[in-house]
Amino acid sequence: MPHATGLVMHISDNLDSGHRRKLENSIQLQSGVSSALFNQDRPHLMVVNYDPNQISSRQILAELSSNRVHASRIS
């Protein structure tokens, strides 16, 4: 059974809803990621659920950076 954990990322950029959806989809396509969703009330926060045996938080951050988004890990 996979081991799941959560991660909260702070996105520094001001993104419209279309760009946020694109980022959610990009992160969710990564092997080991089960979900990636922006918080509706705080659109600078993205919650990512993933299996750390398949992907690391650094790889998730790198994927965000490859999409030219400035992000940092909160937890």
PDB file of N, CA and C in Angstrom:
ATOM      1  N   MET A   1       0.846  -1.182   0.000  1.00  0.00           N
ATOM      2  CA  MET A   1       0.000   0.000   0.000  1.00  0.00           C
ATOM      3  C   MET A   1       0.891   1.246   0.000  1.00  0.00           C
ATOM      4  N   PRO A   2       0.599   2.234  -0.835  1.00  0.00           N
ATOM      5  CA  PRO A   2       1.415   3.434  -0.892  1.00  0.00           C
ATOM      6  C   PRO A   2       1.311   4.253   0.398  1.00  0.00           C
ATOM      7  N   HIS A   3       2.375   4.938   0.704  1.00  0.00           N
ATOM      8  CA  HIS A   3       2.421   5.834   1.856  1.00  0.00           C
ATOM      9  C   HIS A   3       2.166   7.241   1.340  1.00  0.00           C
ATOM     10  N   ALA A   4       1.109   7.883   1.828  1.00  0.00           N
ATOM     11  CA  ALA A   4       0.772   9.223   1.347  1.00  0.00           C
ATOM     12  C   ALA A   4       1.104  10.269   2.401  1.00  0.00           C
ATOM     13  N   THR A   5       1.487  11.428   1.929  1.00  0.00           N
ATOM     14  CA  THR A   5       1.750  12.563   2.802  1.00  0.00           C
ATOM     15  C   THR A   5       1.281  13.823   2.095  1.00  0.00           C
ATOM     16  N   GLY A   6       1.132  14.887   2.845  1.00  0.00           N
ATOM     17  CA  GLY A   6       0.674  16.147   2.274  1.00  0.00           C
ATOM     18  C   GLY A   6       1.749  17.208   2.341  1.00  0.00           C
ATOM     19  N   LEU A   7       1.609  18.196   1.503  1.00  0.00           N
ATOM     20  CA  LEU A   7       2.574  19.274   1.372  1.00  0.00           C
ATOM     21  C   LEU A   7       1.793  20.538   1.031  1.00  0.00           C
ATOM     22  N   VAL A   8       2.141  21.639   1.673  1.00  0.00           N
ATOM     23  CA  VAL A   8       1.533  22.928   1.344  1.00  0.00           C
ATOM     24  C   VAL A   8       2.602  23.804   0.714  1.00  0.00           C
ATOM     25  N   MET A   9       2.298  24.309  -0.464  1.00  0.00           N
ATOM     26  CA  MET A   9       3.228  25.177  -1.187  1.00  0.00           C
ATOM     27  C   MET A   9       2.641  26.588  -1.238  1.00  0.00           C
ATOM     28  N   HIS A  10       3.492  27.589  -1.041  1.00  0.00           N
ATOM     29  CA  HIS A  10       3.086  28.978  -1.200  1.00  0.00           C
ATOM     30  C   HIS A  10       3.569  29.442  -2.570  1.00  0.00           C
ATOM     31  N   ILE A  11       2.634  29.928  -3.373  1.00  0.00           N
ATOM     32  CA  ILE A  11       2.940  30.433  -4.707  1.00  0.00           C
ATOM     33  C   ILE A  11       2.991  31.953  -4.621  1.00  0.00           C
ATOM     34  N   SER A  12       4.141  32.531  -4.920  1.00  0.00           N
ATOM     35  CA  SER A  12       4.341  33.978  -4.787  1.00  0.00           C
ATOM     36  C   SER A  12       3.657  34.778  -5.887  1.00  0.00           C
ATOM     37  N   ASP A  13       3.488  34.167  -7.050  1.00  0.00           N
ATOM     38  CA  ASP A  13       2.916  34.871  -8.197  1.00  0.00           C
ATOM     39  C   ASP A  13       1.401  35.030  -8.055  1.00  0.00           C
ATOM     40  N   ASN A  14       0.880  36.106  -8.650  1.00  0.00           N
ATOM     41  CA  ASN A  14      -0.572  36.285  -8.740  1.00  0.00           C
ATOM     42  C   ASN A  14      -1.048  35.588 -10.013  1.00  0.00           C
ATOM     43  N   LEU A  15      -1.772  34.497  -9.838  1.00  0.00           N
ATOM     44  CA  LEU A  15      -2.202  33.684 -10.973  1.00  0.00           C
ATOM     45  C   LEU A  15      -3.714  33.738 -11.127  1.00  0.00           C
ATOM     46  N   ASP A  16      -4.161  33.781 -12.378  1.00  0.00           N
ATOM     47  CA  ASP A  16      -5.601  33.706 -12.594  1.00  0.00           C
ATOM     48  C   ASP A  16      -6.046  32.252 -12.456  1.00  0.00           C
ATOM     49  N   SER A  17      -7.350  32.033 -12.429  1.00  0.00           N
ATOM     50  CA  SER A  17      -7.879  30.686 -12.182  1.00  0.00           C
ATOM     51  C   SER A  17      -7.455  29.692 -13.263  1.00  0.00           C
ATOM     52  N   GLY A  18      -7.331  30.127 -14.496  1.00  0.00           N
ATOM     53  CA  GLY A  18      -6.895  29.238 -15.574  1.00  0.00           C
ATOM     54  C   GLY A  18      -5.460  28.769 -15.381  1.00  0.00           C
ATOM     55  N   HIS A  19      -4.607  29.677 -14.976  1.00  0.00           N
ATOM     56  CA  HIS A  19      -3.201  29.328 -14.736  1.00  0.00           C
ATOM     57  C   HIS A  19      -3.098  28.383 -13.534  1.00  0.00           C
ATOM     58  N   ARG A  20      -3.907  28.621 -12.494  1.00  0.00           N
ATOM     59  CA  ARG A  20      -3.896  27.726 -11.333  1.00  0.00           C
ATOM     60  C   ARG A  20      -4.324  26.320 -11.735  1.00  0.00           C
ATOM     61  N   ARG A  21      -5.359  26.203 -12.557  1.00  0.00           N
ATOM     62  CA  ARG A  21      -5.814  24.876 -13.018  1.00  0.00           C
ATOM     63  C   ARG A  21      -4.719  24.183 -13.830  1.00  0.00           C
ATOM     64  N   LYS A  22      -4.030  24.942 -14.671  1.00  0.00           N
ATOM     65  CA  LYS A  22      -2.943  24.382 -15.468  1.00  0.00           C
ATOM     66  C   LYS A  22      -1.848  23.824 -14.558  1.00  0.00           C
ATOM     67  N   LEU A  23      -1.498  24.560 -13.513  1.00  0.00           N
ATOM     68  CA  LEU A  23      -0.486  24.091 -12.565  1.00  0.00           C
ATOM     69  C   LEU A  23      -0.955  22.857 -11.798  1.00  0.00           C
ATOM     70  N   GLU A  24      -2.214  22.864 -11.378  1.00  0.00           N
ATOM     71  CA  GLU A  24      -2.761  21.685 -10.686  1.00  0.00           C
ATOM     72  C   GLU A  24      -2.616  20.454 -11.576  1.00  0.00           C
ATOM     73  N   ASN A  25      -2.997  20.595 -12.834  1.00  0.00           N
ATOM     74  CA  ASN A  25      -2.899  19.470 -13.773  1.00  0.00           C
ATOM     75  C   ASN A  25      -1.455  19.035 -13.990  1.00  0.00           C
ATOM     76  N   SER A  26      -0.556  19.984 -14.101  1.00  0.00           N
ATOM     77  CA  SER A  26       0.856  19.679 -14.318  1.00  0.00           C
ATOM     78  C   SER A  26       1.423  18.880 -13.142  1.00  0.00           C
ATOM     79  N   ILE A  27       1.098  19.282 -11.933  1.00  0.00           N
ATOM     80  CA  ILE A  27       1.601  18.584 -10.749  1.00  0.00           C
ATOM     81  C   ILE A  27       0.949  17.210 -10.624  1.00  0.00           C
ATOM     82  N   GLN A  28      -0.355  17.122 -10.904  1.00  0.00           N
ATOM     83  CA  GLN A  28      -1.055  15.843 -10.788  1.00  0.00           C
ATOM     84  C   GLN A  28      -0.567  14.806 -11.790  1.00  0.00           C
ATOM     85  N   LEU A  29       0.047  15.238 -12.871  1.00  0.00           N
ATOM     86  CA  LEU A  29       0.580  14.304 -13.862  1.00  0.00           C
ATOM     87  C   LEU A  29       1.874  13.637 -13.402  1.00  0.00           C
ATOM     88  N   GLN A  30       2.485  14.154 -12.343  1.00  0.00           N
ATOM     89  CA  GLN A  30       3.739  13.600 -11.842  1.00  0.00           C
ATOM     90  C   GLN A  30       3.477  12.259 -11.155  1.00  0.00           C
ATOM     91  N   SER A  31       4.297  11.285 -11.457  1.00  0.00           N
ATOM     92  CA  SER A  31       4.162   9.964 -10.845  1.00  0.00           C
ATOM     93  C   SER A  31       4.314  10.081  -9.331  1.00  0.00           C
ATOM     94  N   GLY A  32       3.364   9.535  -8.604  1.00  0.00           N
ATOM     95  CA  GLY A  32       3.394   9.569  -7.150  1.00  0.00           C
ATOM     96  C   GLY A  32       2.518  10.646  -6.544  1.00  0.00           C
ATOM     97  N   VAL A  33       2.016  11.582  -7.361  1.00  0.00           N
ATOM     98  CA  VAL A  33       1.129  12.636  -6.867  1.00  0.00           C
ATOM     99  C   VAL A  33      -0.311  12.176  -7.026  1.00  0.00           C
ATOM    100  N   SER A  34      -1.055  12.202  -5.914  1.00  0.00           N
ATOM    101  CA  SER A  34      -2.460  11.799  -5.985  1.00  0.00           C
ATOM    102  C   SER A  34      -3.393  12.990  -6.172  1.00  0.00           C
ATOM    103  N   SER A  35      -2.997  14.172  -5.690  1.00  0.00           N
ATOM    104  CA  SER A  35      -3.816  15.364  -5.914  1.00  0.00           C
ATOM    105  C   SER A  35      -2.980  16.618  -5.706  1.00  0.00           C
ATOM    106  N   ALA A  36      -3.385  17.678  -6.373  1.00  0.00           N
ATOM    107  CA  ALA A  36      -2.764  18.995  -6.233  1.00  0.00           C
ATOM    108  C   ALA A  36      -3.864  20.021  -6.450  1.00  0.00           C
ATOM    109  N   LEU A  37      -4.192  20.743  -5.397  1.00  0.00           N
ATOM    110  CA  LEU A  37      -5.307  21.686  -5.475  1.00  0.00           C
ATOM    111  C   LEU A  37      -4.960  22.997  -4.793  1.00  0.00           C
ATOM    112  N   PHE A  38      -5.341  24.103  -5.444  1.00  0.00           N
ATOM    113  CA  PHE A  38      -5.208  25.399  -4.812  1.00  0.00           C
ATOM    114  C   PHE A  38      -6.342  25.580  -3.814  1.00  0.00           C
ATOM    115  N   ASN A  39      -6.055  26.258  -2.724  1.00  0.00           N
ATOM    116  CA  ASN A  39      -7.070  26.591  -1.726  1.00  0.00           C
ATOM    117  C   ASN A  39      -7.953  27.692  -2.306  1.00  0.00           C
ATOM    118  N   GLN A  40      -9.265  27.487  -2.291  1.00  0.00           N
ATOM    119  CA  GLN A  40     -10.196  28.455  -2.883  1.00  0.00           C
ATOM    120  C   GLN A  40     -10.168  29.799  -2.158  1.00  0.00           C
ATOM    121  N   ASP A  41     -10.016  29.773  -0.827  1.00  0.00           N
ATOM    122  CA  ASP A  41     -10.026  31.005  -0.044  1.00  0.00           C
ATOM    123  C   ASP A  41      -8.668  31.698  -0.002  1.00  0.00           C
ATOM    124  N   ARG A  42      -7.616  30.935  -0.226  1.00  0.00           N
ATOM    125  CA  ARG A  42      -6.252  31.468  -0.224  1.00  0.00           C
ATOM    126  C   ARG A  42      -5.544  30.974  -1.478  1.00  0.00           C
ATOM    127  N   PRO A  43      -5.756  31.661  -2.599  1.00  0.00           N
ATOM    128  CA  PRO A  43      -5.258  31.166  -3.895  1.00  0.00           C
ATOM    129  C   PRO A  43      -3.745  31.130  -4.038  1.00  0.00           C
ATOM    130  N   HIS A  44      -3.014  31.566  -3.023  1.00  0.00           N
ATOM    131  CA  HIS A  44      -1.549  31.458  -3.074  1.00  0.00           C
ATOM    132  C   HIS A  44      -1.068  30.143  -2.478  1.00  0.00           C
ATOM    133  N   LEU A  45      -2.000  29.345  -1.958  1.00  0.00           N
ATOM    134  CA  LEU A  45      -1.627  28.086  -1.322  1.00  0.00           C
ATOM    135  C   LEU A  45      -2.089  26.894  -2.149  1.00  0.00           C
ATOM    136  N   MET A  46      -1.177  25.976  -2.401  1.00  0.00           N
ATOM    137  CA  MET A  46      -1.489  24.737  -3.108  1.00  0.00           C
ATOM    138  C   MET A  46      -1.192  23.569  -2.164  1.00  0.00           C
ATOM    139  N   VAL A  47      -2.163  22.678  -2.037  1.00  0.00           N
ATOM    140  CA  VAL A  47      -1.991  21.474  -1.227  1.00  0.00           C
ATOM    141  C   VAL A  47      -1.744  20.309  -2.172  1.00  0.00           C
ATOM    142  N   VAL A  48      -0.647  19.595  -1.936  1.00  0.00           N
ATOM    143  CA  VAL A  48      -0.264  18.462  -2.781  1.00  0.00           C
ATOM    144  C   VAL A  48      -0.205  17.209  -1.908  1.00  0.00           C
ATOM    145  N   ASN A  49      -0.911  16.175  -2.311  1.00  0.00           N
ATOM    146  CA  ASN A  49      -0.840  14.871  -1.656  1.00  0.00           C
ATOM    147  C   ASN A  49      -0.035  13.954  -2.557  1.00  0.00           C
ATOM    148  N   TYR A  50       0.953  13.277  -1.967  1.00  0.00           N
ATOM    149  CA  TYR A  50       1.862  12.478  -2.779  1.00  0.00           C
ATOM    150  C   TYR A  50       2.452  11.332  -1.971  1.00  0.00           C
ATOM    151  N   ASP A  51       3.051  10.403  -2.673  1.00  0.00           N
ATOM    152  CA  ASP A  51       3.740   9.270  -2.068  1.00  0.00           C
ATOM    153  C   ASP A  51       5.237   9.580  -2.078  1.00  0.00           C
ATOM    154  N   PRO A  52       5.836   9.824  -0.895  1.00  0.00           N
ATOM    155  CA  PRO A  52       7.254  10.181  -0.864  1.00  0.00           C
ATOM    156  C   PRO A  52       8.190   9.055  -1.303  1.00  0.00           C
ATOM    157  N   ASN A  53       7.667   7.852  -1.448  1.00  0.00           N
ATOM    158  CA  ASN A  53       8.478   6.759  -1.988  1.00  0.00           C
ATOM    159  C   ASN A  53       8.613   6.854  -3.501  1.00  0.00           C
ATOM    160  N   GLN A  54       7.745   7.673  -4.133  1.00  0.00           N
ATOM    161  CA  GLN A  54       7.775   7.814  -5.592  1.00  0.00           C
ATOM    162  C   GLN A  54       8.260   9.178  -6.067  1.00  0.00           C
ATOM    163  N   ILE A  55       8.037  10.207  -5.262  1.00  0.00           N
ATOM    164  CA  ILE A  55       8.421  11.567  -5.664  1.00  0.00           C
ATOM    165  C   ILE A  55       8.732  12.350  -4.394  1.00  0.00           C
ATOM    166  N   SER A  56       9.674  13.281  -4.506  1.00  0.00           N
ATOM    167  CA  SER A  56      10.049  14.088  -3.338  1.00  0.00           C
ATOM    168  C   SER A  56       9.422  15.480  -3.428  1.00  0.00           C
ATOM    169  N   SER A  57       9.387  16.158  -2.296  1.00  0.00           N
ATOM    170  CA  SER A  57       8.880  17.530  -2.290  1.00  0.00           C
ATOM    171  C   SER A  57       9.768  18.423  -3.158  1.00  0.00           C
ATOM    172  N   ARG A  58      11.053  18.127  -3.241  1.00  0.00           N
ATOM    173  CA  ARG A  58      11.952  18.897  -4.114  1.00  0.00           C
ATOM    174  C   ARG A  58      11.588  18.725  -5.581  1.00  0.00           C
ATOM    175  N   GLN A  59      11.193  17.526  -5.960  1.00  0.00           N
ATOM    176  CA  GLN A  59      10.785  17.292  -7.347  1.00  0.00           C
ATOM    177  C   GLN A  59       9.493  18.044  -7.658  1.00  0.00           C
ATOM    178  N   ILE A  60       8.597  18.095  -6.694  1.00  0.00           N
ATOM    179  CA  ILE A  60       7.348  18.839  -6.883  1.00  0.00           C
ATOM    180  C   ILE A  60       7.662  20.324  -7.037  1.00  0.00           C
ATOM    181  N   LEU A  61       8.527  20.844  -6.191  1.00  0.00           N
ATOM    182  CA  LEU A  61       8.943  22.236  -6.284  1.00  0.00           C
ATOM    183  C   LEU A  61       9.631  22.515  -7.618  1.00  0.00           C
ATOM    184  N   ALA A  62      10.449  21.579  -8.074  1.00  0.00           N
ATOM    185  CA  ALA A  62      11.124  21.735  -9.368  1.00  0.00           C
ATOM    186  C   ALA A  62      10.109  21.790 -10.508  1.00  0.00           C
ATOM    187  N   GLU A  63       9.056  20.996 -10.421  1.00  0.00           N
ATOM    188  CA  GLU A  63       8.012  21.016 -11.457  1.00  0.00           C
ATOM    189  C   GLU A  63       7.325  22.375 -11.480  1.00  0.00           C
ATOM    190  N   LEU A  64       7.045  22.933 -10.311  1.00  0.00           N
ATOM    191  CA  LEU A  64       6.449  24.270 -10.266  1.00  0.00           C
ATOM    192  C   LEU A  64       7.407  25.284 -10.879  1.00  0.00           C
ATOM    193  N   SER A  65       8.678  25.190 -10.538  1.00  0.00           N
ATOM    194  CA  SER A  65       9.678  26.118 -11.086  1.00  0.00           C
ATOM    195  C   SER A  65       9.789  25.986 -12.597  1.00  0.00           C
ATOM    196  N   SER A  66       9.652  24.767 -13.115  1.00  0.00           N
ATOM    197  CA  SER A  66       9.735  24.569 -14.565  1.00  0.00           C
ATOM    198  C   SER A  66       8.561  25.233 -15.284  1.00  0.00           C
ATOM    199  N   ASN A  67       7.495  25.504 -14.536  1.00  0.00           N
ATOM    200  CA  ASN A  67       6.334  26.220 -15.079  1.00  0.00           C
ATOM    201  C   ASN A  67       6.463  27.720 -14.839  1.00  0.00           C
ATOM    202  N   ARG A  68       7.666  28.150 -14.461  1.00  0.00           N
ATOM    203  CA  ARG A  68       7.979  29.569 -14.224  1.00  0.00           C
ATOM    204  C   ARG A  68       7.100  30.195 -13.148  1.00  0.00           C
ATOM    205  N   VAL A  69       6.945  29.431 -12.062  1.00  0.00           N
ATOM    206  CA  VAL A  69       6.187  29.894 -10.911  1.00  0.00           C
ATOM    207  C   VAL A  69       7.142  29.927  -9.726  1.00  0.00           C
ATOM    208  N   HIS A  70       7.071  30.993  -8.955  1.00  0.00           N
ATOM    209  CA  HIS A  70       7.896  31.106  -7.752  1.00  0.00           C
ATOM    210  C   HIS A  70       7.123  30.495  -6.588  1.00  0.00           C
ATOM    211  N   ALA A  71       7.681  29.420  -6.050  1.00  0.00           N
ATOM    212  CA  ALA A  71       6.998  28.687  -4.986  1.00  0.00           C
ATOM    213  C   ALA A  71       7.966  28.330  -3.875  1.00  0.00           C
ATOM    214  N   SER A  72       7.417  28.147  -2.688  1.00  0.00           N
ATOM    215  CA  SER A  72       8.211  27.671  -1.562  1.00  0.00           C
ATOM    216  C   SER A  72       7.354  26.713  -0.739  1.00  0.00           C
ATOM    217  N   ARG A  73       8.033  25.796  -0.079  1.00  0.00           N
ATOM    218  CA  ARG A  73       7.362  24.802   0.742  1.00  0.00           C
ATOM    219  C   ARG A  73       7.032  25.417   2.102  1.00  0.00           C
ATOM    220  N   ILE A  74       5.786  25.242   2.541  1.00  0.00           N
ATOM    221  CA  ILE A  74       5.381  25.706   3.871  1.00  0.00           C
ATOM    222  C   ILE A  74       5.450  24.555   4.856  1.00  0.00           C
ATOM    223  N   SER A  75       4.881  23.426   4.467  1.00  0.00           N
ATOM    224  CA  SER A  75       4.920  22.242   5.345  1.00  0.00           C
ATOM    225  C   SER A  75       4.950  20.983   4.529  1.00  0.00           C
TER     226      SER A  75
END
